[in-house]
């Protein structure tokens, strides 16, 4: 069993801030830690009606995004779906418009508790409305998008714990229902750390932003011993507003049993 490739909880509880950092261009899409899911992802991409949206306003930016992904991987990528099949990441194209930044094209095979139609055609304010202090967060992200220079890639992480191994999770309700019925001694194997590794980069020709989302999913039993105290501390210190947004309440007894077993 592999250790999870990222441990953002070591920096503390989830933060509802951009928290972006520059990365080396070569590290933008490689190595792909989730390459083992590519066959699964390609099966979904073969059903584009379920996982792909693109508006005419996004055609040029989506084509440029596909070329950028293909060039980074040394592979032909004629359109956004073809490009998305090259990486485990989902690809989201945000176009600059008079009213702000709008999602005009995307592939979404591994959504984290939202549907593709919740995202397509929405601006930053609508996308971040449900998040604590979402209006302020949307404004901050908009300023980042405005000032981003082509050739620079920025990275950030979201994380949560979910009850089950489902990579495609547009609706969290089935996972919460499972958590309510799970025996306490099953938490270590059934609870999973879900990390979204996200990047943003500016497309030089259209001025659009390509937003990538790579979901990394591992059972809590795979957390290295030296990281377990950090996970327990991060879980316990998220405030009430954040806990309510993430709906962590249904997993409190399960996580407590895991952390007790770990002695953290």
Foldseek 3Di string as FASTA:
>chain_A
DAFFPDDVLLVFAFDLAPPKDWDAPLPQFPPAPVPVCLVVQVVVLVVCVFFKAADPVCQVVQQLVQVVLCVSVVHDGRGNSSSCSVGLKKKWKWAQDPVATATGIIGPQQDDQAGPVQRHGDHQQSNQVLPVVSNVRSVVVRVCLVPADAPIKMKDKDKDKWFAQRRRPNHRVVRLVCLLPDDLVCQQARIKIWMWIWMWHARPPRRIIMIITHITIDGNVSHDLVCLVSNVRNVVPDDPSNCVSVVCVSCVSNVVSVCVVSVD
